[in-house]
Amino acid sequence: MNLNNLKDNIFQELARCQGRASMFLDVDGDVIEYRSGEIYQAASLIKLPIMLEAFQRIKAGTIPPEQMIVINQEDKIGDTGILQALKQDSMSFMDLITLMIIVSDNSATNILIDLLGMQNINQNIKKLDLNKTVLQRKMLDFTQINSGKDNFTAAADIAACLKAGAEGSINPSFFSILEKQQFKDKLPAFISLDIKVGNKTGELNGVQHDCAILDYNNHRIYVAVLIDQLVNREEGSSTIRQIGRHLNDFLIGHSQ
């Protein structure tokens, strides 16, 4: 399968999707885009720029990775994650970052937003030229959502975020944390075990997202797929899984 075949296959999947779909794909520097600048609710993809800001603090030496962060009972909120079920009253900065990504822990995310500062996170988003991305609320803050404040992003921004984290000098742990992701039912679902993959999912009512870095035989792929306006969530998940399958077939075939 060549790059044109890959593009055709993926575009067919996106066109068939019963939702508003977008994608940004970087294959060894060759870019394929499908409505990649359209703005979406970020859902848990907003946790990626939060992680980048956290790593900037580690790099600057202002917050060491081993620094213990106090966890108050009111910090523990529901939905995804494990902090809500634990009795811990403190956790290291790096462990909070890791939980935010690999189990999409909302409690850890909100603690990090308070610690880093929403304004600082947004300033770093601007420095990274993620022009369609903004953090305006904490996780599960329905009061802010109902008042019109939400977190937004675009497929091109998320792919750029992945690339900045993996190829920059921010922190060597970026890709390795993504590799430990526990939610692998979308892009990684049909990925061969021979391919290194690190991903981050996001979902809300009617929204299904996933983004990933794939490494195989000196080939690297950055991909972000964002879908909303879904009546059936499985429709979005299935589309994303099929895109992952096409990427798998391309990498395996391209390296033979």
C-alpha atoms as a PDB file:
ATOM      1  CA  MET A   1       0.000   0.000   0.000  1.00  0.00           C
ATOM      2  CA  ASN A   2       1.391   3.425  -0.954  1.00  0.00           C
ATOM      3  CA  LEU A   3       0.570   6.811   0.544  1.00  0.00           C
ATOM      4  CA  ASN A   4      -2.118   7.572  -2.044  1.00  0.00           C
ATOM      5  CA  ASN A   5      -3.853   4.260  -1.324  1.00  0.00           C
ATOM      6  CA  LEU A   6      -3.688   5.024   2.393  1.00  0.00           C
ATOM      7  CA  LYS A   7      -5.230   8.449   1.826  1.00  0.00           C
ATOM      8  CA  ASP A   8      -8.032   7.008  -0.321  1.00  0.00           C
ATOM      9  CA  ASN A   9      -8.848   4.281   2.212  1.00  0.00           C
ATOM     10  CA  ILE A  10      -8.922   6.677   5.152  1.00  0.00           C
ATOM     11  CA  PHE A  11     -10.970   9.307   3.307  1.00  0.00           C
ATOM     12  CA  GLN A  12     -13.537   6.630   2.467  1.00  0.00           C
ATOM     13  CA  GLU A  13     -13.818   5.720   6.161  1.00  0.00           C
ATOM     14  CA  LEU A  14     -14.234   9.367   7.158  1.00  0.00           C
ATOM     15  CA  ALA A  15     -16.796  10.048   4.422  1.00  0.00           C
ATOM     16  CA  ARG A  16     -18.872   7.045   5.529  1.00  0.00           C
ATOM     17  CA  CYS A  17     -18.928   8.123   9.162  1.00  0.00           C
ATOM     18  CA  GLN A  18     -22.350   9.232  10.410  1.00  0.00           C
ATOM     19  CA  GLY A  19     -20.900  12.220  12.210  1.00  0.00           C
ATOM     20  CA  ARG A  20     -18.726  15.273  11.591  1.00  0.00           C
ATOM     21  CA  ALA A  21     -15.218  13.867  11.171  1.00  0.00           C
ATOM     22  CA  SER A  22     -11.763  15.384  10.814  1.00  0.00           C
ATOM     23  CA  MET A  23      -8.223  14.055  10.696  1.00  0.00           C
ATOM     24  CA  PHE A  24      -4.598  15.120  10.567  1.00  0.00           C
ATOM     25  CA  LEU A  25      -2.012  12.550   9.552  1.00  0.00           C
ATOM     26  CA  ASP A  26       1.762  12.977   9.388  1.00  0.00           C
ATOM     27  CA  VAL A  27       3.590  10.003   7.864  1.00  0.00           C
ATOM     28  CA  ASP A  28       7.336  10.555   8.018  1.00  0.00           C
ATOM     29  CA  GLY A  29       6.730  14.234   7.282  1.00  0.00           C
ATOM     30  CA  ASP A  30       4.153  13.696   4.519  1.00  0.00           C
ATOM     31  CA  VAL A  31       0.878  15.274   5.603  1.00  0.00           C
ATOM     32  CA  ILE A  32      -2.665  14.124   4.825  1.00  0.00           C
ATOM     33  CA  GLU A  33      -5.499  16.320   6.109  1.00  0.00           C
ATOM     34  CA  TYR A  34      -9.261  15.982   6.216  1.00  0.00           C
ATOM     35  CA  ARG A  35     -10.994  19.077   7.639  1.00  0.00           C
ATOM     36  CA  SER A  36      -8.155  19.205  10.159  1.00  0.00           C
ATOM     37  CA  GLY A  37      -8.699  22.845  11.123  1.00  0.00           C
ATOM     38  CA  GLU A  38     -12.317  22.448  12.205  1.00  0.00           C
ATOM     39  CA  ILE A  39     -12.917  23.115  15.889  1.00  0.00           C
ATOM     40  CA  TYR A  40     -14.306  20.458  18.244  1.00  0.00           C
ATOM     41  CA  GLN A  41     -14.996  20.047  21.918  1.00  0.00           C
ATOM     42  CA  ALA A  42     -11.634  18.767  23.126  1.00  0.00           C
ATOM     43  CA  ALA A  43     -12.936  16.279  25.703  1.00  0.00           C
ATOM     44  CA  SER A  44      -9.924  14.530  27.271  1.00  0.00           C
ATOM     45  CA  LEU A  45      -7.565  15.477  24.434  1.00  0.00           C
ATOM     46  CA  ILE A  46      -7.091  18.758  26.332  1.00  0.00           C
ATOM     47  CA  LYS A  47      -4.987  16.716  28.763  1.00  0.00           C
ATOM     48  CA  LEU A  48      -2.151  16.614  26.208  1.00  0.00           C
ATOM     49  CA  PRO A  49      -1.344  20.367  26.323  1.00  0.00           C
ATOM     50  CA  ILE A  50      -1.736  20.200  30.099  1.00  0.00           C
ATOM     51  CA  MET A  51       0.931  17.479  30.126  1.00  0.00           C
ATOM     52  CA  LEU A  52       3.203  19.620  27.952  1.00  0.00           C
ATOM     53  CA  GLU A  53       2.912  22.540  30.368  1.00  0.00           C
ATOM     54  CA  ALA A  54       3.658  20.183  33.275  1.00  0.00           C
ATOM     55  CA  PHE A  55       6.783  18.936  31.489  1.00  0.00           C
ATOM     56  CA  GLN A  56       7.850  22.529  30.858  1.00  0.00           C
ATOM     57  CA  ARG A  57       7.797  23.062  34.630  1.00  0.00           C
ATOM     58  CA  ILE A  58       9.935  19.955  35.151  1.00  0.00           C
ATOM     59  CA  LYS A  59      12.383  21.130  32.479  1.00  0.00           C
ATOM     60  CA  ALA A  60      12.590  24.584  34.073  1.00  0.00           C
ATOM     61  CA  GLY A  61      13.171  23.012  37.479  1.00  0.00           C
ATOM     62  CA  THR A  62      10.248  24.839  39.099  1.00  0.00           C
ATOM     63  CA  ILE A  63       8.354  21.621  39.933  1.00  0.00           C
ATOM     64  CA  PRO A  64      10.501  18.479  40.302  1.00  0.00           C
ATOM     65  CA  PRO A  65       8.849  15.262  39.076  1.00  0.00           C
ATOM     66  CA  GLU A  66       9.155  13.696  42.532  1.00  0.00           C
ATOM     67  CA  GLN A  67       7.562  16.662  44.367  1.00  0.00           C
ATOM     68  CA  MET A  68       4.609  15.473  46.416  1.00  0.00           C
ATOM     69  CA  ILE A  69       1.328  17.255  45.707  1.00  0.00           C
ATOM     70  CA  VAL A  70      -1.416  17.404  48.336  1.00  0.00           C
ATOM     71  CA  ILE A  71      -4.704  15.744  47.373  1.00  0.00           C
ATOM     72  CA  ASN A  72      -7.741  17.038  49.238  1.00  0.00           C
ATOM     73  CA  GLN A  73     -10.973  15.103  49.486  1.00  0.00           C
ATOM     74  CA  GLU A  74     -12.784  17.783  47.478  1.00  0.00           C
ATOM     75  CA  ASP A  75     -10.269  17.237  44.658  1.00  0.00           C
ATOM     76  CA  LYS A  76     -11.635  13.752  44.076  1.00  0.00           C
ATOM     77  CA  ILE A  77     -14.314  13.759  41.394  1.00  0.00           C
ATOM     78  CA  GLY A  78     -16.109  11.025  39.481  1.00  0.00           C
ATOM     79  CA  ASP A  79     -16.125   9.602  35.968  1.00  0.00           C
ATOM     80  CA  THR A  80     -12.745   8.352  34.675  1.00  0.00           C
ATOM     81  CA  GLY A  81      -9.718   7.647  36.841  1.00  0.00           C
ATOM     82  CA  ILE A  82      -8.742   5.966  40.082  1.00  0.00           C
ATOM     83  CA  LEU A  83      -7.885   8.811  42.486  1.00  0.00           C
ATOM     84  CA  GLN A  84     -11.544   9.041  43.461  1.00  0.00           C
ATOM     85  CA  ALA A  85     -11.279   5.497  44.883  1.00  0.00           C
ATOM     86  CA  LEU A  86      -7.945   5.884  46.670  1.00  0.00           C
ATOM     87  CA  LYS A  87      -7.247   7.089  50.190  1.00  0.00           C
ATOM     88  CA  GLN A  88      -4.019   8.862  49.298  1.00  0.00           C
ATOM     89  CA  ASP A  89      -3.626  12.408  50.554  1.00  0.00           C
ATOM     90  CA  SER A  90      -0.606  13.157  48.339  1.00  0.00           C
ATOM     91  CA  MET A  91       1.004  11.957  45.111  1.00  0.00           C
ATOM     92  CA  SER A  92       4.108  12.874  43.136  1.00  0.00           C
ATOM     93  CA  PHE A  93       3.854  15.409  40.331  1.00  0.00           C
ATOM     94  CA  MET A  94       4.922  12.804  37.751  1.00  0.00           C
ATOM     95  CA  ASP A  95       2.407  10.242  39.015  1.00  0.00           C
ATOM     96  CA  LEU A  96      -0.404  12.792  38.651  1.00  0.00           C
ATOM     97  CA  ILE A  97       0.690  13.478  35.063  1.00  0.00           C
ATOM     98  CA  THR A  98       0.809   9.753  34.335  1.00  0.00           C
ATOM     99  CA  LEU A  99      -2.653   9.095  35.797  1.00  0.00           C
ATOM    100  CA  MET A 100      -4.093  12.026  33.840  1.00  0.00           C
ATOM    101  CA  ILE A 101      -2.977  10.347  30.603  1.00  0.00           C
ATOM    102  CA  ILE A 102      -3.057   6.562  30.997  1.00  0.00           C
ATOM    103  CA  VAL A 103      -6.426   6.307  32.785  1.00  0.00           C
ATOM    104  CA  SER A 104      -7.619   9.823  31.856  1.00  0.00           C
ATOM    105  CA  ASP A 105      -7.976  10.617  35.571  1.00  0.00           C
ATOM    106  CA  ASN A 106     -10.182  13.701  35.934  1.00  0.00           C
ATOM    107  CA  SER A 107      -9.222  14.277  39.566  1.00  0.00           C
ATOM    108  CA  ALA A 108      -5.517  14.307  38.691  1.00  0.00           C
ATOM    109  CA  THR A 109      -6.260  16.631  35.771  1.00  0.00           C
ATOM    110  CA  ASN A 110      -8.064  19.189  37.902  1.00  0.00           C
ATOM    111  CA  ILE A 111      -5.308  19.124  40.538  1.00  0.00           C
ATOM    112  CA  LEU A 112      -2.771  19.797  37.782  1.00  0.00           C
ATOM    113  CA  ILE A 113      -4.859  22.628  36.308  1.00  0.00           C
ATOM    114  CA  ASP A 114      -4.963  24.299  39.755  1.00  0.00           C
ATOM    115  CA  LEU A 115      -1.255  23.725  40.294  1.00  0.00           C
ATOM    116  CA  LEU A 116      -0.093  24.915  36.862  1.00  0.00           C
ATOM    117  CA  GLY A 117      -2.686  27.648  36.373  1.00  0.00           C
ATOM    118  CA  MET A 118      -5.176  27.766  33.523  1.00  0.00           C
ATOM    119  CA  GLN A 119      -3.681  31.004  32.203  1.00  0.00           C
ATOM    120  CA  ASN A 120      -0.180  29.506  32.089  1.00  0.00           C
ATOM    121  CA  ILE A 121      -1.431  26.429  30.264  1.00  0.00           C
ATOM    122  CA  ASN A 122      -3.157  28.624  27.669  1.00  0.00           C
ATOM    123  CA  GLN A 123      -0.031  30.761  27.262  1.00  0.00           C
ATOM    124  CA  ASN A 124       1.980  27.629  26.494  1.00  0.00           C
ATOM    125  CA  ILE A 125      -0.726  26.523  24.048  1.00  0.00           C
ATOM    126  CA  LYS A 126      -0.197  29.829  22.216  1.00  0.00           C
ATOM    127  CA  LYS A 127       3.601  29.402  22.265  1.00  0.00           C
ATOM    128  CA  LEU A 128       3.135  26.024  20.582  1.00  0.00           C
ATOM    129  CA  ASP A 129       0.938  27.677  17.897  1.00  0.00           C
ATOM    130  CA  LEU A 130      -2.047  25.491  18.755  1.00  0.00           C
ATOM    131  CA  ASN A 131      -4.324  28.203  17.420  1.00  0.00           C
ATOM    132  CA  LYS A 132      -7.621  26.300  17.660  1.00  0.00           C
ATOM    133  CA  THR A 133      -7.003  25.011  21.204  1.00  0.00           C
ATOM    134  CA  VAL A 134      -8.123  26.603  24.461  1.00  0.00           C
ATOM    135  CA  LEU A 135      -8.619  25.440  28.054  1.00  0.00           C
ATOM    136  CA  GLN A 136     -11.576  27.232  29.649  1.00  0.00           C
ATOM    137  CA  ARG A 137     -12.860  24.808  32.259  1.00  0.00           C
ATOM    138  CA  LYS A 138     -11.843  21.995  34.576  1.00  0.00           C
ATOM    139  CA  MET A 139     -13.032  18.430  34.075  1.00  0.00           C
ATOM    140  CA  LEU A 140     -16.739  17.798  34.781  1.00  0.00           C
ATOM    141  CA  ASP A 141     -17.397  21.504  35.400  1.00  0.00           C
ATOM    142  CA  PHE A 142     -20.918  21.479  34.035  1.00  0.00           C
ATOM    143  CA  THR A 143     -21.630  24.975  35.350  1.00  0.00           C
ATOM    144  CA  GLN A 144     -18.988  26.359  33.008  1.00  0.00           C
ATOM    145  CA  ILE A 145     -20.186  24.178  30.124  1.00  0.00           C
ATOM    146  CA  ASN A 146     -23.759  25.392  30.589  1.00  0.00           C
ATOM    147  CA  SER A 147     -22.522  28.999  30.595  1.00  0.00           C
ATOM    148  CA  GLY A 148     -20.832  28.445  27.230  1.00  0.00           C
ATOM    149  CA  LYS A 149     -17.267  27.884  28.407  1.00  0.00           C
ATOM    150  CA  ASP A 150     -15.730  24.671  27.145  1.00  0.00           C
ATOM    151  CA  ASN A 151     -12.377  23.275  26.029  1.00  0.00           C
ATOM    152  CA  PHE A 152     -11.777  23.219  22.279  1.00  0.00           C
ATOM    153  CA  THR A 153      -9.205  21.917  19.825  1.00  0.00           C
ATOM    154  CA  ALA A 154      -8.681  20.693  16.246  1.00  0.00           C
ATOM    155  CA  ALA A 155      -7.085  17.632  14.702  1.00  0.00           C
ATOM    156  CA  ALA A 156      -4.130  19.633  13.343  1.00  0.00           C
ATOM    157  CA  ASP A 157      -3.454  21.103  16.796  1.00  0.00           C
ATOM    158  CA  ILE A 158      -3.532  17.707  18.496  1.00  0.00           C
ATOM    159  CA  ALA A 159      -1.106  16.206  15.979  1.00  0.00           C
ATOM    160  CA  ALA A 160       1.188  19.206  16.489  1.00  0.00           C
ATOM    161  CA  CYS A 161       0.924  18.671  20.235  1.00  0.00           C
ATOM    162  CA  LEU A 162       1.990  15.036  19.828  1.00  0.00           C
ATOM    163  CA  LYS A 163       4.920  16.044  17.637  1.00  0.00           C
ATOM    164  CA  ALA A 164       6.060  18.772  20.021  1.00  0.00           C
ATOM    165  CA  GLY A 165       6.034  16.331  22.912  1.00  0.00           C
ATOM    166  CA  ALA A 166       7.728  13.454  21.118  1.00  0.00           C
ATOM    167  CA  GLU A 167      10.352  15.301  19.073  1.00  0.00           C
ATOM    168  CA  GLY A 168      11.123  18.293  21.236  1.00  0.00           C
ATOM    169  CA  SER A 169      13.384  18.423  24.254  1.00  0.00           C
ATOM    170  CA  ILE A 170      10.514  18.881  26.705  1.00  0.00           C
ATOM    171  CA  ASN A 171      10.645  15.471  28.369  1.00  0.00           C
ATOM    172  CA  PRO A 172      11.768  12.016  27.186  1.00  0.00           C
ATOM    173  CA  SER A 173       8.861  10.428  29.101  1.00  0.00           C
ATOM    174  CA  PHE A 174       6.217  11.890  26.776  1.00  0.00           C
ATOM    175  CA  PHE A 175       5.940   8.941  24.379  1.00  0.00           C
ATOM    176  CA  SER A 176       6.532   6.310  27.051  1.00  0.00           C
ATOM    177  CA  ILE A 177       3.586   7.623  29.091  1.00  0.00           C
ATOM    178  CA  LEU A 178       1.326   7.513  26.023  1.00  0.00           C
ATOM    179  CA  GLU A 179       2.454   3.922  25.426  1.00  0.00           C
ATOM    180  CA  LYS A 180       1.033   2.968  28.840  1.00  0.00           C
ATOM    181  CA  GLN A 181      -2.444   4.140  27.793  1.00  0.00           C
ATOM    182  CA  GLN A 182      -5.167   1.848  29.149  1.00  0.00           C
ATOM    183  CA  PHE A 183      -7.865   2.807  26.622  1.00  0.00           C
ATOM    184  CA  LYS A 184      -6.828   1.015  23.438  1.00  0.00           C
ATOM    185  CA  ASP A 185     -10.172   0.266  21.801  1.00  0.00           C
ATOM    186  CA  LYS A 186      -9.917   2.898  19.048  1.00  0.00           C
ATOM    187  CA  LEU A 187      -6.769   3.640  16.992  1.00  0.00           C
ATOM    188  CA  PRO A 188      -4.651   0.865  18.602  1.00  0.00           C
ATOM    189  CA  ALA A 189      -7.358  -1.817  18.345  1.00  0.00           C
ATOM    190  CA  PHE A 190      -6.009  -3.397  15.132  1.00  0.00           C
ATOM    191  CA  ILE A 191      -2.374  -2.321  15.506  1.00  0.00           C
ATOM    192  CA  SER A 192       0.198  -5.147  15.375  1.00  0.00           C
ATOM    193  CA  LEU A 193       2.170  -5.840  18.547  1.00  0.00           C
ATOM    194  CA  ASP A 194       5.308  -5.181  16.500  1.00  0.00           C
ATOM    195  CA  ILE A 195       4.354  -1.510  16.189  1.00  0.00           C
ATOM    196  CA  LYS A 196       5.002   0.837  19.102  1.00  0.00           C
ATOM    197  CA  VAL A 197       1.901   2.923  19.732  1.00  0.00           C
ATOM    198  CA  GLY A 198       1.045   5.569  22.293  1.00  0.00           C
ATOM    199  CA  ASN A 199      -2.376   7.198  22.239  1.00  0.00           C
ATOM    200  CA  LYS A 200      -4.818   9.463  24.069  1.00  0.00           C
ATOM    201  CA  THR A 201      -8.575   9.178  23.712  1.00  0.00           C
ATOM    202  CA  GLY A 202     -11.348  11.635  24.373  1.00  0.00           C
ATOM    203  CA  GLU A 203     -15.103  11.300  24.470  1.00  0.00           C
ATOM    204  CA  LEU A 204     -18.250  13.129  25.448  1.00  0.00           C
ATOM    205  CA  ASN A 205     -21.884  12.629  24.546  1.00  0.00           C
ATOM    206  CA  GLY A 206     -21.866  12.394  20.744  1.00  0.00           C
ATOM    207  CA  VAL A 207     -18.071  12.853  20.622  1.00  0.00           C
ATOM    208  CA  GLN A 208     -15.378  10.264  19.917  1.00  0.00           C
ATOM    209  CA  HIS A 209     -11.687  11.232  19.534  1.00  0.00           C
ATOM    210  CA  ASP A 210      -8.345   9.470  19.478  1.00  0.00           C
ATOM    211  CA  CYS A 211      -4.798  10.478  18.624  1.00  0.00           C
ATOM    212  CA  ALA A 212      -1.610   8.456  18.499  1.00  0.00           C
ATOM    213  CA  ILE A 213       2.065   8.156  17.705  1.00  0.00           C
ATOM    214  CA  LEU A 214       3.063   4.993  15.828  1.00  0.00           C
ATOM    215  CA  ASP A 215       6.670   3.826  15.455  1.00  0.00           C
ATOM    216  CA  TYR A 216       7.775   0.931  13.265  1.00  0.00           C
ATOM    217  CA  ASN A 217      11.070   0.194  11.478  1.00  0.00           C
ATOM    218  CA  ASN A 218      12.244   3.834  11.444  1.00  0.00           C
ATOM    219  CA  HIS A 219       8.834   5.063  10.284  1.00  0.00           C
ATOM    220  CA  ARG A 220       6.829   7.407  12.492  1.00  0.00           C
ATOM    221  CA  ILE A 221       3.193   8.418  12.211  1.00  0.00           C
ATOM    222  CA  TYR A 222       1.338  11.156  14.067  1.00  0.00           C
ATOM    223  CA  VAL A 223      -2.431  10.916  13.735  1.00  0.00           C
ATOM    224  CA  ALA A 224      -5.437  12.647  15.265  1.00  0.00           C
ATOM    225  CA  VAL A 225      -9.049  11.753  14.464  1.00  0.00           C
ATOM    226  CA  LEU A 226     -11.860  13.884  15.903  1.00  0.00           C
ATOM    227  CA  ILE A 227     -15.547  13.057  15.425  1.00  0.00           C
ATOM    228  CA  ASP A 228     -18.693  14.652  16.845  1.00  0.00           C
ATOM    229  CA  GLN A 229     -22.436  14.960  16.069  1.00  0.00           C
ATOM    230  CA  LEU A 230     -22.738  11.212  16.612  1.00  0.00           C
ATOM    231  CA  VAL A 231     -26.074   9.592  17.383  1.00  0.00           C
ATOM    232  CA  ASN A 232     -24.353   6.247  17.975  1.00  0.00           C
ATOM    233  CA  ARG A 233     -21.007   6.378  19.797  1.00  0.00           C
ATOM    234  CA  GLU A 234     -19.956   3.042  18.299  1.00  0.00           C
ATOM    235  CA  GLU A 235     -20.166   4.598  14.829  1.00  0.00           C
ATOM    236  CA  GLY A 236     -17.357   6.980  15.774  1.00  0.00           C
ATOM    237  CA  SER A 237     -15.276   4.348  17.547  1.00  0.00           C
ATOM    238  CA  SER A 238     -15.614   1.989  14.573  1.00  0.00           C
ATOM    239  CA  THR A 239     -14.447   4.657  12.127  1.00  0.00           C
ATOM    240  CA  ILE A 240     -11.398   5.397  14.259  1.00  0.00           C
ATOM    241  CA  ARG A 241     -10.598   1.683  14.612  1.00  0.00           C
ATOM    242  CA  GLN A 242     -10.735   1.216  10.855  1.00  0.00           C
ATOM    243  CA  ILE A 243      -8.368   4.141  10.336  1.00  0.00           C
ATOM    244  CA  GLY A 244      -5.982   2.467  12.770  1.00  0.00           C
ATOM    245  CA  ARG A 245      -6.262  -0.753  10.745  1.00  0.00           C
ATOM    246  CA  HIS A 246      -5.338   1.077   7.535  1.00  0.00           C
ATOM    247  CA  LEU A 247      -2.344   2.664   9.260  1.00  0.00           C
ATOM    248  CA  ASN A 248      -1.254  -0.757  10.502  1.00  0.00           C
ATOM    249  CA  ASP A 249      -1.508  -2.263   7.008  1.00  0.00           C
ATOM    250  CA  PHE A 250       0.420   0.661   5.536  1.00  0.00           C
ATOM    251  CA  LEU A 251       3.270   0.396   8.049  1.00  0.00           C
ATOM    252  CA  ILE A 252       3.587  -3.365   7.770  1.00  0.00           C
ATOM    253  CA  GLY A 253       3.402  -3.310   3.968  1.00  0.00           C
ATOM    254  CA  HIS A 254       5.644  -0.256   3.623  1.00  0.00           C
ATOM    255  CA  SER A 255       8.408  -1.911   5.612  1.00  0.00           C
ATOM    256  CA  GLN A 256       8.516  -5.227   3.785  1.00  0.00           C
END
